[in-house]
C-alpha atoms as a PDB file:
ATOM      1  CA  UNK A   1      79.515 -20.431  42.078  1.00  0.00           C
ATOM      2  CA  UNK A   2      77.172 -20.266  44.760  1.00  0.00           C
ATOM      3  CA  UNK A   3      77.930 -18.514  48.113  1.00  0.00           C
ATOM      4  CA  UNK A   4      75.328 -20.216  50.893  1.00  0.00           C
ATOM      5  CA  UNK A   5      74.655 -18.635  54.865  1.00  0.00           C
ATOM      6  CA  UNK A   6      72.700 -20.723  57.498  1.00  0.00           C
ATOM      7  CA  UNK A   7      71.138 -18.600  60.491  1.00  0.00           C
ATOM      8  CA  UNK A   8      68.358 -18.669  62.703  1.00  0.00           C
ATOM      9  CA  UNK A   9      70.349 -21.565  64.856  1.00  0.00           C
ATOM     10  CA  UNK A  10      70.321 -20.800  68.779  1.00  0.00           C
ATOM     11  CA  UNK A  11      68.650 -22.753  71.519  1.00  0.00           C
ATOM     12  CA  UNK A  12      64.929 -23.658  71.607  1.00  0.00           C
ATOM     13  CA  UNK A  13      62.909 -25.433  74.488  1.00  0.00           C
ATOM     14  CA  UNK A  14      61.455 -28.913  73.277  1.00  0.00           C
ATOM     15  CA  UNK A  15      57.902 -27.757  71.731  1.00  0.00           C
ATOM     16  CA  UNK A  16      59.210 -24.782  70.754  1.00  0.00           C
ATOM     17  CA  UNK A  17      59.792 -22.906  66.924  1.00  0.00           C
ATOM     18  CA  UNK A  18      62.782 -21.741  65.145  1.00  0.00           C
ATOM     19  CA  UNK A  19      63.217 -20.942  61.587  1.00  0.00           C
ATOM     20  CA  UNK A  20      66.354 -21.091  59.876  1.00  0.00           C
ATOM     21  CA  UNK A  21      67.441 -19.262  56.635  1.00  0.00           C
ATOM     22  CA  UNK A  22      70.084 -20.222  53.999  1.00  0.00           C
ATOM     23  CA  UNK A  23      70.867 -17.190  51.678  1.00  0.00           C
ATOM     24  CA  UNK A  24      72.458 -17.641  48.306  1.00  0.00           C
ATOM     25  CA  UNK A  25      74.906 -15.396  46.736  1.00  0.00           C
ATOM     26  CA  UNK A  26      76.474 -15.692  43.336  1.00  0.00           C
ATOM     27  CA  UNK A  27      75.030 -17.575  40.321  1.00  0.00           C
ATOM     28  CA  UNK A  28      71.057 -18.054  39.501  1.00  0.00           C
ATOM     29  CA  UNK A  29      69.809 -18.955  42.652  1.00  0.00           C
ATOM     30  CA  UNK A  30      66.907 -20.371  40.962  1.00  0.00           C
ATOM     31  CA  UNK A  31      68.167 -23.349  39.449  1.00  0.00           C
ATOM     32  CA  UNK A  32      69.154 -25.242  42.221  1.00  0.00           C
ATOM     33  CA  UNK A  33      67.626 -27.899  44.382  1.00  0.00           C
ATOM     34  CA  UNK A  34      68.401 -26.825  48.100  1.00  0.00           C
ATOM     35  CA  UNK A  35      68.362 -29.239  50.943  1.00  0.00           C
ATOM     36  CA  UNK A  36      68.849 -28.780  54.495  1.00  0.00           C
ATOM     37  CA  UNK A  37      71.103 -31.576  56.295  1.00  0.00           C
ATOM     38  CA  UNK A  38      71.526 -32.094  60.109  1.00  0.00           C
ATOM     39  CA  UNK A  39      74.590 -33.494  61.680  1.00  0.00           C
ATOM     40  CA  UNK A  40      74.729 -34.717  65.436  1.00  0.00           C
ATOM     41  CA  UNK A  41      78.165 -35.062  67.502  1.00  0.00           C
ATOM     42  CA  UNK A  42      78.929 -38.401  66.223  1.00  0.00           C
ATOM     43  CA  UNK A  43      76.821 -39.128  63.824  1.00  0.00           C
ATOM     44  CA  UNK A  44      76.801 -38.917  59.963  1.00  0.00           C
ATOM     45  CA  UNK A  45      75.145 -35.785  57.935  1.00  0.00           C
ATOM     46  CA  UNK A  46      71.602 -36.932  57.162  1.00  0.00           C
ATOM     47  CA  UNK A  47      68.622 -35.420  54.858  1.00  0.00           C
ATOM     48  CA  UNK A  48      66.160 -33.742  56.661  1.00  0.00           C
ATOM     49  CA  UNK A  49      64.181 -31.736  53.798  1.00  0.00           C
ATOM     50  CA  UNK A  50      64.685 -30.982  49.965  1.00  0.00           C
ATOM     51  CA  UNK A  51      62.924 -27.948  47.708  1.00  0.00           C
ATOM     52  CA  UNK A  52      63.045 -28.531  44.105  1.00  0.00           C
ATOM     53  CA  UNK A  53      62.988 -25.531  41.626  1.00  0.00           C
ATOM     54  CA  UNK A  54      59.760 -25.732  41.311  1.00  0.00           C
ATOM     55  CA  UNK A  55      58.407 -25.528  44.505  1.00  0.00           C
ATOM     56  CA  UNK A  56      58.409 -29.638  45.380  1.00  0.00           C
ATOM     57  CA  UNK A  57      59.478 -30.403  49.074  1.00  0.00           C
ATOM     58  CA  UNK A  58      60.640 -33.905  50.328  1.00  0.00           C
ATOM     59  CA  UNK A  59      60.996 -34.506  54.160  1.00  0.00           C
ATOM     60  CA  UNK A  60      62.660 -37.312  56.390  1.00  0.00           C
ATOM     61  CA  UNK A  61      60.199 -39.139  58.165  1.00  0.00           C
ATOM     62  CA  UNK A  62      61.405 -38.174  61.151  1.00  0.00           C
ATOM     63  CA  UNK A  63      60.809 -34.393  60.641  1.00  0.00           C
ATOM     64  CA  UNK A  64      57.609 -34.898  58.871  1.00  0.00           C
ATOM     65  CA  UNK A  65      54.832 -32.750  59.938  1.00  0.00           C
ATOM     66  CA  UNK A  66      56.836 -30.311  61.645  1.00  0.00           C
ATOM     67  CA  UNK A  67      58.750 -29.199  59.641  1.00  0.00           C
ATOM     68  CA  UNK A  68      58.213 -26.920  56.288  1.00  0.00           C
ATOM     69  CA  UNK A  69      60.648 -25.896  53.793  1.00  0.00           C
ATOM     70  CA  UNK A  70      59.957 -22.987  51.449  1.00  0.00           C
ATOM     71  CA  UNK A  71      61.582 -20.675  48.949  1.00  0.00           C
ATOM     72  CA  UNK A  72      61.970 -17.294  48.178  1.00  0.00           C
ATOM     73  CA  UNK A  73      63.664 -16.799  45.349  1.00  0.00           C
ATOM     74  CA  UNK A  74      63.266 -12.958  45.001  1.00  0.00           C
ATOM     75  CA  UNK A  75      65.515 -12.828  48.248  1.00  0.00           C
ATOM     76  CA  UNK A  76      67.529 -15.955  46.992  1.00  0.00           C
ATOM     77  CA  UNK A  77      66.506 -17.571  50.296  1.00  0.00           C
ATOM     78  CA  UNK A  78      65.006 -21.190  51.532  1.00  0.00           C
ATOM     79  CA  UNK A  79      63.816 -21.584  55.028  1.00  0.00           C
ATOM     80  CA  UNK A  80      62.870 -24.240  57.059  1.00  0.00           C
ATOM     81  CA  UNK A  81      60.460 -23.645  59.629  1.00  0.00           C
ATOM     82  CA  UNK A  82      60.869 -25.859  62.646  1.00  0.00           C
ATOM     83  CA  UNK A  83      58.163 -26.728  65.297  1.00  0.00           C
ATOM     84  CA  UNK A  84      56.778 -28.794  68.004  1.00  0.00           C
ATOM     85  CA  UNK A  85      60.927 -29.177  68.439  1.00  0.00           C
ATOM     86  CA  UNK A  86      62.606 -32.242  69.805  1.00  0.00           C
ATOM     87  CA  UNK A  87      65.730 -32.772  71.954  1.00  0.00           C
ATOM     88  CA  UNK A  88      66.977 -35.581  68.999  1.00  0.00           C
ATOM     89  CA  UNK A  89      66.767 -32.347  66.341  1.00  0.00           C
ATOM     90  CA  UNK A  90      69.939 -30.797  68.155  1.00  0.00           C
ATOM     91  CA  UNK A  91      72.265 -30.658  65.434  1.00  0.00           C
ATOM     92  CA  UNK A  92      74.271 -28.176  63.192  1.00  0.00           C
ATOM     93  CA  UNK A  93      72.090 -27.618  60.486  1.00  0.00           C
ATOM     94  CA  UNK A  94      73.348 -27.228  57.135  1.00  0.00           C
ATOM     95  CA  UNK A  95      72.464 -26.271  53.494  1.00  0.00           C
ATOM     96  CA  UNK A  96      73.298 -27.555  49.989  1.00  0.00           C
ATOM     97  CA  UNK A  97      72.689 -26.083  46.633  1.00  0.00           C
ATOM     98  CA  UNK A  98      72.778 -28.152  44.271  1.00  0.00           C
ATOM     99  CA  UNK A  99      71.476 -28.771  40.252  1.00  0.00           C
ATOM    100  CA  UNK A 100      68.285 -30.468  39.570  1.00  0.00           C
ATOM    101  CA  UNK A 101      68.968 -34.452  38.870  1.00  0.00           C
ATOM    102  CA  UNK A 102      72.556 -34.300  40.500  1.00  0.00           C
ATOM    103  CA  UNK A 103      73.681 -36.384  43.584  1.00  0.00           C
ATOM    104  CA  UNK A 104      72.024 -35.619  46.892  1.00  0.00           C
ATOM    105  CA  UNK A 105      75.835 -34.127  48.926  1.00  0.00           C
ATOM    106  CA  UNK A 106      76.680 -32.374  45.445  1.00  0.00           C
ATOM    107  CA  UNK A 107      77.124 -28.893  44.606  1.00  0.00           C
ATOM    108  CA  UNK A 108      77.757 -25.950  47.609  1.00  0.00           C
ATOM    109  CA  UNK A 109      77.895 -25.868  51.294  1.00  0.00           C
ATOM    110  CA  UNK A 110      76.716 -23.385  53.715  1.00  0.00           C
ATOM    111  CA  UNK A 111      78.848 -23.475  56.980  1.00  0.00           C
ATOM    112  CA  UNK A 112      76.330 -24.315  59.003  1.00  0.00           C
ATOM    113  CA  UNK A 113      73.763 -22.901  62.029  1.00  0.00           C
ATOM    114  CA  UNK A 114      73.742 -25.115  65.616  1.00  0.00           C
ATOM    115  CA  UNK A 115      70.554 -26.039  66.588  1.00  0.00           C
ATOM    116  CA  UNK A 116      70.214 -26.883  70.613  1.00  0.00           C
ATOM    117  CA  UNK A 117      67.057 -28.591  72.002  1.00  0.00           C
ATOM    118  CA  UNK A 118      66.639 -28.252  75.590  1.00  0.00           C
ATOM    119  CA  UNK A 119      64.727 -27.694  78.651  1.00  0.00           C
END
């Protein structure tokens, strides 16, 4: 069992930055793949970035070059550094912890953190 808590959301101006955190408690954090998703009002939840157990990363085309996902297993935390923010990045951001090889969207979810990009 893993409990996930996202934090770090808020209001940012276009071109600004935010860093989201996904803190885990419970079972061994280092065995989980961590995915960040986002969901804008009226839209489906989309995968933004992933980091594997070994630290390999993948990004959606829409955020590639602007967002960076990283993990600190000693702190049981995954980060999403978001730079050059755009209004279209506005959404609720969720992290998901799943066993390597399992389907995207399976596993454990956090409660989400709101990110609003507006001038």
